[in-house]
N, C-alpha and C. Protein backbone atom coordinates (compact mmCIF):
# COMPACT_ATOMS: atom_id res chain seq x y z
N UNK A 1 12.60 -38.84 20.07
CA UNK A 1 12.00 -37.70 20.76
C UNK A 1 11.15 -36.92 19.77
N UNK A 2 9.94 -36.61 20.15
CA UNK A 2 8.98 -35.93 19.28
C UNK A 2 9.02 -34.43 19.49
N UNK A 3 9.20 -33.67 18.43
CA UNK A 3 9.26 -32.21 18.49
C UNK A 3 7.97 -31.64 17.89
N UNK A 4 7.02 -31.21 18.71
CA UNK A 4 5.75 -30.72 18.18
C UNK A 4 5.90 -29.44 17.35
N UNK A 5 6.86 -28.60 17.69
CA UNK A 5 7.05 -27.36 16.93
C UNK A 5 7.51 -27.68 15.51
N UNK A 6 8.41 -28.63 15.38
CA UNK A 6 8.84 -29.06 14.05
C UNK A 6 7.67 -29.61 13.26
N UNK A 7 6.82 -30.40 13.91
CA UNK A 7 5.64 -30.96 13.24
C UNK A 7 4.69 -29.85 12.78
N UNK A 8 4.48 -28.86 13.63
CA UNK A 8 3.60 -27.74 13.26
C UNK A 8 4.17 -27.01 12.04
N UNK A 9 5.47 -26.80 12.03
CA UNK A 9 6.10 -26.10 10.89
C UNK A 9 5.97 -26.90 9.60
N UNK A 10 6.13 -28.22 9.69
CA UNK A 10 5.97 -29.08 8.50
C UNK A 10 4.54 -29.01 7.97
N UNK A 11 3.60 -29.13 8.88
CA UNK A 11 2.19 -29.09 8.49
C UNK A 11 1.84 -27.73 7.90
N UNK A 12 2.33 -26.65 8.51
CA UNK A 12 2.05 -25.30 8.01
C UNK A 12 2.58 -25.13 6.59
N UNK A 13 3.76 -25.65 6.31
CA UNK A 13 4.33 -25.55 4.96
C UNK A 13 3.45 -26.30 3.95
N UNK A 14 2.97 -27.47 4.32
CA UNK A 14 2.11 -28.25 3.42
C UNK A 14 0.77 -27.55 3.21
N UNK A 15 0.19 -27.03 4.27
CA UNK A 15 -1.10 -26.33 4.15
C UNK A 15 -0.93 -25.07 3.31
N UNK A 16 0.18 -24.39 3.48
CA UNK A 16 0.44 -23.19 2.66
C UNK A 16 0.49 -23.56 1.18
N UNK A 17 1.17 -24.65 0.86
CA UNK A 17 1.24 -25.10 -0.54
C UNK A 17 -0.15 -25.44 -1.08
N UNK A 18 -0.94 -26.16 -0.28
CA UNK A 18 -2.29 -26.54 -0.70
C UNK A 18 -3.18 -25.31 -0.90
N UNK A 19 -3.05 -24.34 0.00
CA UNK A 19 -3.86 -23.13 -0.09
C UNK A 19 -3.47 -22.32 -1.33
N UNK A 20 -2.18 -22.23 -1.60
CA UNK A 20 -1.73 -21.53 -2.81
C UNK A 20 -2.25 -22.22 -4.06
N UNK A 21 -2.22 -23.54 -4.08
CA UNK A 21 -2.74 -24.29 -5.22
C UNK A 21 -4.23 -24.06 -5.42
N UNK A 22 -4.97 -24.01 -4.33
CA UNK A 22 -6.43 -23.89 -4.40
C UNK A 22 -6.90 -22.47 -4.67
N UNK A 23 -6.24 -21.47 -4.07
CA UNK A 23 -6.74 -20.09 -4.13
C UNK A 23 -5.79 -19.09 -4.78
N UNK A 24 -4.55 -19.48 -5.00
CA UNK A 24 -3.60 -18.56 -5.60
C UNK A 24 -2.95 -17.61 -4.60
N UNK A 25 -3.43 -17.59 -3.38
CA UNK A 25 -2.87 -16.78 -2.29
C UNK A 25 -2.96 -17.60 -1.02
N UNK A 26 -2.16 -17.20 -0.03
CA UNK A 26 -2.22 -17.86 1.27
C UNK A 26 -1.86 -16.86 2.34
N UNK A 27 -2.65 -16.79 3.41
CA UNK A 27 -2.29 -15.91 4.51
C UNK A 27 -1.00 -16.39 5.17
N UNK A 28 -0.32 -15.47 5.81
CA UNK A 28 0.89 -15.83 6.55
C UNK A 28 0.50 -16.70 7.74
N UNK A 29 1.25 -17.74 7.97
CA UNK A 29 1.05 -18.60 9.14
C UNK A 29 2.25 -18.38 10.05
N UNK A 30 2.02 -17.77 11.18
CA UNK A 30 3.08 -17.40 12.10
C UNK A 30 3.15 -18.44 13.22
N UNK A 31 4.20 -19.23 13.26
CA UNK A 31 4.39 -20.26 14.28
C UNK A 31 5.37 -19.72 15.30
N UNK A 32 4.97 -19.69 16.55
CA UNK A 32 5.84 -19.23 17.63
C UNK A 32 6.04 -20.35 18.64
N UNK A 33 7.28 -20.65 18.92
CA UNK A 33 7.61 -21.70 19.88
C UNK A 33 7.61 -21.09 21.28
N UNK A 34 6.60 -21.42 22.06
CA UNK A 34 6.47 -20.91 23.43
C UNK A 34 6.76 -21.98 24.46
N UNK A 35 7.27 -23.11 24.01
CA UNK A 35 7.55 -24.20 24.94
C UNK A 35 8.95 -24.05 25.52
N UNK A 36 9.14 -24.63 26.67
CA UNK A 36 10.48 -24.63 27.25
C UNK A 36 11.26 -25.78 26.66
N UNK A 37 12.55 -25.65 26.58
CA UNK A 37 13.37 -26.71 25.97
C UNK A 37 13.35 -27.98 26.80
N UNK A 38 12.98 -27.87 28.06
CA UNK A 38 12.97 -29.05 28.92
C UNK A 38 11.60 -29.73 29.01
N UNK A 39 10.60 -29.16 28.32
CA UNK A 39 9.27 -29.75 28.41
C UNK A 39 9.21 -31.08 27.67
N UNK A 40 8.38 -31.97 28.17
CA UNK A 40 8.21 -33.29 27.58
C UNK A 40 6.82 -33.34 26.96
N UNK A 41 6.75 -33.67 25.69
CA UNK A 41 5.49 -33.68 24.97
C UNK A 41 5.17 -35.09 24.54
N UNK A 42 4.05 -35.60 25.01
CA UNK A 42 3.64 -36.95 24.66
C UNK A 42 2.32 -36.88 23.92
N UNK A 43 2.35 -37.32 22.67
CA UNK A 43 1.13 -37.32 21.87
C UNK A 43 1.36 -38.23 20.67
N UNK A 44 0.31 -38.76 20.11
CA UNK A 44 0.43 -39.60 18.92
C UNK A 44 0.64 -38.66 17.73
N UNK A 45 1.79 -38.73 17.07
CA UNK A 45 2.11 -37.78 16.00
C UNK A 45 1.05 -37.71 14.89
N UNK A 46 0.52 -38.85 14.48
CA UNK A 46 -0.47 -38.84 13.40
C UNK A 46 -1.73 -38.08 13.81
N UNK A 47 -2.17 -38.23 15.03
CA UNK A 47 -3.37 -37.53 15.50
C UNK A 47 -3.13 -36.02 15.54
N UNK A 48 -1.99 -35.63 16.04
CA UNK A 48 -1.65 -34.21 16.10
C UNK A 48 -1.57 -33.63 14.69
N UNK A 49 -0.93 -34.35 13.80
CA UNK A 49 -0.82 -33.88 12.42
C UNK A 49 -2.19 -33.69 11.79
N UNK A 50 -3.07 -34.66 11.96
CA UNK A 50 -4.42 -34.57 11.38
C UNK A 50 -5.15 -33.33 11.91
N UNK A 51 -5.10 -33.12 13.22
CA UNK A 51 -5.79 -31.95 13.81
C UNK A 51 -5.20 -30.64 13.29
N UNK A 52 -3.89 -30.58 13.20
CA UNK A 52 -3.23 -29.37 12.72
C UNK A 52 -3.59 -29.07 11.27
N UNK A 53 -3.58 -30.09 10.43
CA UNK A 53 -3.94 -29.90 9.02
C UNK A 53 -5.35 -29.33 8.91
N UNK A 54 -6.29 -29.93 9.61
CA UNK A 54 -7.68 -29.47 9.53
C UNK A 54 -7.82 -28.04 10.06
N UNK A 55 -7.22 -27.76 11.18
CA UNK A 55 -7.28 -26.42 11.78
C UNK A 55 -6.68 -25.36 10.85
N UNK A 56 -5.49 -25.63 10.34
CA UNK A 56 -4.83 -24.64 9.49
C UNK A 56 -5.52 -24.49 8.13
N UNK A 57 -5.97 -25.60 7.55
CA UNK A 57 -6.69 -25.51 6.27
C UNK A 57 -7.95 -24.68 6.41
N UNK A 58 -8.73 -24.95 7.45
CA UNK A 58 -9.96 -24.20 7.67
C UNK A 58 -9.67 -22.73 7.94
N UNK A 59 -8.64 -22.44 8.71
CA UNK A 59 -8.28 -21.05 9.02
C UNK A 59 -7.84 -20.31 7.77
N UNK A 60 -6.99 -20.94 6.98
CA UNK A 60 -6.51 -20.30 5.75
C UNK A 60 -7.66 -20.05 4.77
N UNK A 61 -8.49 -21.05 4.58
CA UNK A 61 -9.61 -20.89 3.65
C UNK A 61 -10.55 -19.79 4.12
N UNK A 62 -10.89 -19.77 5.38
CA UNK A 62 -11.79 -18.73 5.90
C UNK A 62 -11.18 -17.35 5.76
N UNK A 63 -9.88 -17.23 6.00
CA UNK A 63 -9.22 -15.94 5.88
C UNK A 63 -9.21 -15.46 4.43
N UNK A 64 -8.88 -16.35 3.51
CA UNK A 64 -8.87 -15.99 2.09
C UNK A 64 -10.27 -15.57 1.66
N UNK A 65 -11.27 -16.35 2.03
CA UNK A 65 -12.64 -16.04 1.62
C UNK A 65 -13.11 -14.72 2.22
N UNK A 66 -12.80 -14.47 3.46
CA UNK A 66 -13.20 -13.22 4.11
C UNK A 66 -12.57 -12.02 3.41
N UNK A 67 -11.28 -12.11 3.11
CA UNK A 67 -10.61 -10.99 2.48
C UNK A 67 -11.08 -10.80 1.04
N UNK A 68 -11.42 -11.85 0.37
CA UNK A 68 -11.96 -11.71 -0.99
C UNK A 68 -13.33 -11.07 -0.97
N UNK A 69 -14.12 -11.38 0.04
CA UNK A 69 -15.45 -10.80 0.16
C UNK A 69 -15.37 -9.30 0.46
N UNK A 70 -14.47 -8.92 1.35
CA UNK A 70 -14.36 -7.52 1.76
C UNK A 70 -13.49 -6.69 0.84
N UNK A 71 -12.51 -7.33 0.23
CA UNK A 71 -11.61 -6.62 -0.69
C UNK A 71 -11.35 -7.52 -1.89
N UNK A 72 -12.31 -7.59 -2.82
CA UNK A 72 -12.16 -8.53 -3.94
C UNK A 72 -10.96 -8.24 -4.83
N UNK A 73 -10.42 -7.01 -4.80
CA UNK A 73 -9.28 -6.68 -5.65
C UNK A 73 -7.95 -6.96 -4.97
N UNK A 74 -7.97 -7.41 -3.71
CA UNK A 74 -6.74 -7.65 -2.96
C UNK A 74 -6.21 -9.05 -3.23
N UNK A 75 -4.88 -9.17 -3.35
CA UNK A 75 -4.25 -10.46 -3.59
C UNK A 75 -3.66 -11.08 -2.34
N UNK A 76 -3.67 -10.37 -1.22
CA UNK A 76 -3.01 -10.92 -0.03
C UNK A 76 -3.83 -10.66 1.21
N UNK A 77 -3.54 -11.46 2.22
CA UNK A 77 -4.16 -11.30 3.54
C UNK A 77 -3.22 -11.86 4.56
N UNK A 78 -3.47 -11.55 5.81
CA UNK A 78 -2.62 -12.06 6.90
C UNK A 78 -3.45 -12.85 7.89
N UNK A 79 -2.87 -13.93 8.37
CA UNK A 79 -3.51 -14.77 9.38
C UNK A 79 -2.41 -15.29 10.27
N UNK A 80 -2.42 -14.89 11.53
CA UNK A 80 -1.41 -15.35 12.47
C UNK A 80 -1.98 -16.44 13.34
N UNK A 81 -1.31 -17.57 13.37
CA UNK A 81 -1.73 -18.69 14.18
C UNK A 81 -0.56 -19.07 15.06
N UNK A 82 -0.77 -19.06 16.35
CA UNK A 82 0.32 -19.44 17.25
C UNK A 82 -0.16 -20.55 18.15
N UNK A 83 0.81 -21.30 18.69
CA UNK A 83 0.42 -22.40 19.57
C UNK A 83 0.11 -21.92 20.94
């Protein structure tokens, strides 16, 4: 049985690590499970993972760059991403 929320959390953790390595900071990634426990999710896990990685990496990078541009002395920023 495939759990998309678990997959999103795994990907978010990896993207957070990559963002910290690249920029020294990472916005918060807020994952909220809005699915019902009885819902059935059918998708190819590798495809979903690839899309999530690209979406989260681009979002984190854009958020870091935006906050550095507007507040160059700031070390942190927030970015909430929910499903």
